[in-house]
Amino acid sequence: MKIHIYGYRGIRHWRYRAVCPCGWSLDTHADAAVPLLPLSIRNHRHTCRKCT
C-alpha cells in the first residue's frame, strides 16, 4: 500500500492530506504536517500490516 500526500490551499492556509488506499486519511495544517505526518503514517502502516 502506498500512502499519497496531497497539498492544497485551504480557506486561509496550506493544508496537507495523507490518503491510504484502505480508506484511512489524515488532514492537517501545513505547520503541523512536519512533526505529525511522519509519525501518523508510520503508526498507520504498522496497523495496516496487522490487519491484512
PDB file of N, CA and C in Angstrom:
ATOM      1  N   MET A   1       0.829  -1.181   0.000  1.00  0.00           N
ATOM      2  CA  MET A   1       0.000   0.000   0.000  1.00  0.00           C
ATOM      3  C   MET A   1       0.872   1.242   0.000  1.00  0.00           C
ATOM      4  N   LYS A   2       0.576   2.141  -0.882  1.00  0.00           N
ATOM      5  CA  LYS A   2       1.318   3.388  -0.929  1.00  0.00           C
ATOM      6  C   LYS A   2       0.423   4.527  -0.459  1.00  0.00           C
ATOM      7  N   ILE A   3       0.909   5.271   0.507  1.00  0.00           N
ATOM      8  CA  ILE A   3       0.174   6.407   1.030  1.00  0.00           C
ATOM      9  C   ILE A   3       0.577   7.638   0.216  1.00  0.00           C
ATOM     10  N   HIS A   4      -0.401   8.344  -0.306  1.00  0.00           N
ATOM     11  CA  HIS A   4      -0.157   9.546  -1.092  1.00  0.00           C
ATOM     12  C   HIS A   4      -0.405  10.777  -0.229  1.00  0.00           C
ATOM     13  N   ILE A   5       0.408  11.793  -0.437  1.00  0.00           N
ATOM     14  CA  ILE A   5       0.256  13.043   0.298  1.00  0.00           C
ATOM     15  C   ILE A   5      -0.060  14.146  -0.706  1.00  0.00           C
ATOM     16  N   TYR A   6      -1.155  14.836  -0.464  1.00  0.00           N
ATOM     17  CA  TYR A   6      -1.601  15.913  -1.328  1.00  0.00           C
ATOM     18  C   TYR A   6      -1.535  17.227  -0.568  1.00  0.00           C
ATOM     19  N   GLY A   7      -1.035  18.261  -1.204  1.00  0.00           N
ATOM     20  CA  GLY A   7      -1.041  19.599  -0.630  1.00  0.00           C
ATOM     21  C   GLY A   7      -2.107  20.421  -1.338  1.00  0.00           C
ATOM     22  N   TYR A   8      -2.845  21.192  -0.584  1.00  0.00           N
ATOM     23  CA  TYR A   8      -3.872  22.032  -1.200  1.00  0.00           C
ATOM     24  C   TYR A   8      -4.053  23.302  -0.386  1.00  0.00           C
ATOM     25  N   ARG A   9      -4.596  24.291  -1.029  1.00  0.00           N
ATOM     26  CA  ARG A   9      -4.820  25.578  -0.386  1.00  0.00           C
ATOM     27  C   ARG A   9      -6.179  25.548   0.301  1.00  0.00           C
ATOM     28  N   GLY A  10      -6.174  25.706   1.624  1.00  0.00           N
ATOM     29  CA  GLY A  10      -7.421  25.780   2.374  1.00  0.00           C
ATOM     30  C   GLY A  10      -8.001  27.180   2.280  1.00  0.00           C
ATOM     31  N   ILE A  11      -8.891  27.512   3.169  1.00  0.00           N
ATOM     32  CA  ILE A  11      -9.515  28.832   3.157  1.00  0.00           C
ATOM     33  C   ILE A  11      -8.463  29.924   3.389  1.00  0.00           C
ATOM     34  N   ARG A  12      -7.585  29.710   4.353  1.00  0.00           N
ATOM     35  CA  ARG A  12      -6.567  30.720   4.646  1.00  0.00           C
ATOM     36  C   ARG A  12      -5.143  30.199   4.514  1.00  0.00           C
ATOM     37  N   HIS A  13      -4.929  28.913   4.739  1.00  0.00           N
ATOM     38  CA  HIS A  13      -3.571  28.373   4.803  1.00  0.00           C
ATOM     39  C   HIS A  13      -3.450  27.096   3.973  1.00  0.00           C
ATOM     40  N   TRP A  14      -2.203  26.719   3.711  1.00  0.00           N
ATOM     41  CA  TRP A  14      -1.952  25.443   3.047  1.00  0.00           C
ATOM     42  C   TRP A  14      -2.233  24.305   4.005  1.00  0.00           C
ATOM     43  N   ARG A  15      -2.761  23.221   3.469  1.00  0.00           N
ATOM     44  CA  ARG A  15      -3.049  22.024   4.254  1.00  0.00           C
ATOM     45  C   ARG A  15      -2.491  20.821   3.509  1.00  0.00           C
ATOM     46  N   TYR A  16      -2.257  19.747   4.234  1.00  0.00           N
ATOM     47  CA  TYR A  16      -1.769  18.513   3.634  1.00  0.00           C
ATOM     48  C   TYR A  16      -2.664  17.366   4.048  1.00  0.00           C
ATOM     49  N   ARG A  17      -2.913  16.467   3.101  1.00  0.00           N
ATOM     50  CA  ARG A  17      -3.749  15.300   3.363  1.00  0.00           C
ATOM     51  C   ARG A  17      -2.985  14.050   2.943  1.00  0.00           C
ATOM     52  N   ALA A  18      -2.862  13.112   3.873  1.00  0.00           N
ATOM     53  CA  ALA A  18      -2.279  11.808   3.583  1.00  0.00           C
ATOM     54  C   ALA A  18      -3.443  10.840   3.388  1.00  0.00           C
ATOM     55  N   VAL A  19      -3.409  10.062   2.293  1.00  0.00           N
ATOM     56  CA  VAL A  19      -4.512   9.167   1.962  1.00  0.00           C
ATOM     57  C   VAL A  19      -3.954   7.782   1.663  1.00  0.00           C
ATOM     58  N   CYS A  20      -4.535   6.774   2.309  1.00  0.00           N
ATOM     59  CA  CYS A  20      -4.157   5.378   2.099  1.00  0.00           C
ATOM     60  C   CYS A  20      -5.276   4.686   1.317  1.00  0.00           C
ATOM     61  N   PRO A  21      -4.938   3.736   0.451  1.00  0.00           N
ATOM     62  CA  PRO A  21      -5.977   3.029  -0.308  1.00  0.00           C
ATOM     63  C   PRO A  21      -6.995   2.279   0.560  1.00  0.00           C
ATOM     64  N   CYS A  22      -6.657   1.982   1.808  1.00  0.00           N
ATOM     65  CA  CYS A  22      -7.588   1.255   2.672  1.00  0.00           C
ATOM     66  C   CYS A  22      -8.714   2.157   3.186  1.00  0.00           C
ATOM     67  N   GLY A  23      -8.597   3.481   2.958  1.00  0.00           N
ATOM     68  CA  GLY A  23      -9.640   4.394   3.406  1.00  0.00           C
ATOM     69  C   GLY A  23      -9.195   5.354   4.494  1.00  0.00           C
ATOM     70  N   TRP A  24      -8.043   5.097   5.102  1.00  0.00           N
ATOM     71  CA  TRP A  24      -7.524   5.975   6.147  1.00  0.00           C
ATOM     72  C   TRP A  24      -7.037   7.269   5.520  1.00  0.00           C
ATOM     73  N   SER A  25      -7.278   8.398   6.188  1.00  0.00           N
ATOM     74  CA  SER A  25      -6.737   9.673   5.733  1.00  0.00           C
ATOM     75  C   SER A  25      -6.493  10.579   6.933  1.00  0.00           C
ATOM     76  N   LEU A  26      -5.576  11.505   6.744  1.00  0.00           N
ATOM     77  CA  LEU A  26      -5.252  12.476   7.789  1.00  0.00           C
ATOM     78  C   LEU A  26      -5.104  13.829   7.119  1.00  0.00           C
ATOM     79  N   ASP A  27      -5.851  14.804   7.606  1.00  0.00           N
ATOM     80  CA  ASP A  27      -5.821  16.156   7.068  1.00  0.00           C
ATOM     81  C   ASP A  27      -5.227  17.059   8.132  1.00  0.00           C
ATOM     82  N   THR A  28      -4.185  17.823   7.787  1.00  0.00           N
ATOM     83  CA  THR A  28      -3.526  18.649   8.775  1.00  0.00           C
ATOM     84  C   THR A  28      -3.064  19.976   8.186  1.00  0.00           C
ATOM     85  N   HIS A  29      -2.913  20.965   9.043  1.00  0.00           N
ATOM     86  CA  HIS A  29      -2.391  22.273   8.676  1.00  0.00           C
ATOM     87  C   HIS A  29      -0.909  22.127   8.320  1.00  0.00           C
ATOM     88  N   ALA A  30      -0.401  22.970   7.458  1.00  0.00           N
ATOM     89  CA  ALA A  30       0.987  22.863   6.992  1.00  0.00           C
ATOM     90  C   ALA A  30       1.988  22.942   8.142  1.00  0.00           C
ATOM     91  N   ASP A  31       1.744  23.779   9.148  1.00  0.00           N
ATOM     92  CA  ASP A  31       2.685  23.902  10.267  1.00  0.00           C
ATOM     93  C   ASP A  31       2.768  22.626  11.085  1.00  0.00           C
ATOM     94  N   ALA A  32       1.678  21.890  11.175  1.00  0.00           N
ATOM     95  CA  ALA A  32       1.663  20.654  11.963  1.00  0.00           C
ATOM     96  C   ALA A  32       2.084  19.444  11.135  1.00  0.00           C
ATOM     97  N   ALA A  33       2.189  19.602   9.818  1.00  0.00           N
ATOM     98  CA  ALA A  33       2.466  18.460   8.950  1.00  0.00           C
ATOM     99  C   ALA A  33       3.853  17.883   9.177  1.00  0.00           C
ATOM    100  N   VAL A  34       4.854  18.727   9.417  1.00  0.00           N
ATOM    101  CA  VAL A  34       6.231  18.242   9.547  1.00  0.00           C
ATOM    102  C   VAL A  34       6.381  17.293  10.734  1.00  0.00           C
ATOM    103  N   PRO A  35       5.927  17.626  11.934  1.00  0.00           N
ATOM    104  CA  PRO A  35       6.072  16.670  13.031  1.00  0.00           C
ATOM    105  C   PRO A  35       5.000  15.574  13.043  1.00  0.00           C
ATOM    106  N   LEU A  36       3.821  15.871  12.528  1.00  0.00           N
ATOM    107  CA  LEU A  36       2.689  14.952  12.683  1.00  0.00           C
ATOM    108  C   LEU A  36       2.598  13.880  11.607  1.00  0.00           C
ATOM    109  N   LEU A  37       2.779  14.247  10.345  1.00  0.00           N
ATOM    110  CA  LEU A  37       2.581  13.285   9.258  1.00  0.00           C
ATOM    111  C   LEU A  37       3.501  12.067   9.324  1.00  0.00           C
ATOM    112  N   PRO A  38       4.829  12.229   9.514  1.00  0.00           N
ATOM    113  CA  PRO A  38       5.669  11.022   9.546  1.00  0.00           C
ATOM    114  C   PRO A  38       5.287  10.038  10.651  1.00  0.00           C
ATOM    115  N   LEU A  39       4.956  10.550  11.832  1.00  0.00           N
ATOM    116  CA  LEU A  39       4.582   9.669  12.938  1.00  0.00           C
ATOM    117  C   LEU A  39       3.250   8.975  12.669  1.00  0.00           C
ATOM    118  N   SER A  40       2.284   9.718  12.160  1.00  0.00           N
ATOM    119  CA  SER A  40       0.967   9.149  11.884  1.00  0.00           C
ATOM    120  C   SER A  40       1.029   8.115  10.772  1.00  0.00           C
ATOM    121  N   ILE A  41       1.817   8.391   9.744  1.00  0.00           N
ATOM    122  CA  ILE A  41       1.947   7.440   8.642  1.00  0.00           C
ATOM    123  C   ILE A  41       2.637   6.167   9.123  1.00  0.00           C
ATOM    124  N   ARG A  42       3.674   6.309   9.928  1.00  0.00           N
ATOM    125  CA  ARG A  42       4.381   5.130  10.460  1.00  0.00           C
ATOM    126  C   ARG A  42       3.440   4.276  11.307  1.00  0.00           C
ATOM    127  N   ASN A  43       2.660   4.917  12.171  1.00  0.00           N
ATOM    128  CA  ASN A  43       1.711   4.176  13.003  1.00  0.00           C
ATOM    129  C   ASN A  43       0.640   3.503  12.147  1.00  0.00           C
ATOM    130  N   HIS A  44       0.159   4.188  11.137  1.00  0.00           N
ATOM    131  CA  HIS A  44      -0.871   3.598  10.278  1.00  0.00           C
ATOM    132  C   HIS A  44      -0.318   2.405   9.506  1.00  0.00           C
ATOM    133  N   ARG A  45       0.898   2.521   8.976  1.00  0.00           N
ATOM    134  CA  ARG A  45       1.474   1.387   8.245  1.00  0.00           C
ATOM    135  C   ARG A  45       1.585   0.164   9.137  1.00  0.00           C
ATOM    136  N   HIS A  46       1.925   0.375  10.382  1.00  0.00           N
ATOM    137  CA  HIS A  46       2.028  -0.751  11.323  1.00  0.00           C
ATOM    138  C   HIS A  46       0.666  -1.415  11.523  1.00  0.00           C
ATOM    139  N   THR A  47      -0.376  -0.642  11.732  1.00  0.00           N
ATOM    140  CA  THR A  47      -1.692  -1.214  11.942  1.00  0.00           C
ATOM    141  C   THR A  47      -2.263  -1.790  10.660  1.00  0.00           C
ATOM    142  N   CYS A  48      -1.941  -1.176   9.537  1.00  0.00           N
ATOM    143  CA  CYS A  48      -2.421  -1.667   8.246  1.00  0.00           C
ATOM    144  C   CYS A  48      -1.851  -3.054   7.961  1.00  0.00           C
ATOM    145  N   ARG A  49      -0.592  -3.271   8.266  1.00  0.00           N
ATOM    146  CA  ARG A  49       0.035  -4.576   8.058  1.00  0.00           C
ATOM    147  C   ARG A  49      -0.560  -5.625   8.980  1.00  0.00           C
ATOM    148  N   LYS A  50      -0.934  -5.205  10.186  1.00  0.00           N
ATOM    149  CA  LYS A  50      -1.534  -6.146  11.127  1.00  0.00           C
ATOM    150  C   LYS A  50      -2.896  -6.641  10.629  1.00  0.00           C
ATOM    151  N   CYS A  51      -3.641  -5.743  10.002  1.00  0.00           N
ATOM    152  CA  CYS A  51      -4.991  -6.088   9.561  1.00  0.00           C
ATOM    153  C   CYS A  51      -4.995  -6.989   8.332  1.00  0.00           C
ATOM    154  N   THR A  52      -3.984  -6.877   7.488  1.00  0.00           N
ATOM    155  CA  THR A  52      -4.007  -7.653   6.236  1.00  0.00           C
ATOM    156  C   THR A  52      -3.209  -8.917   6.335  1.00  0.00           C
TER     157      THR A  52
END
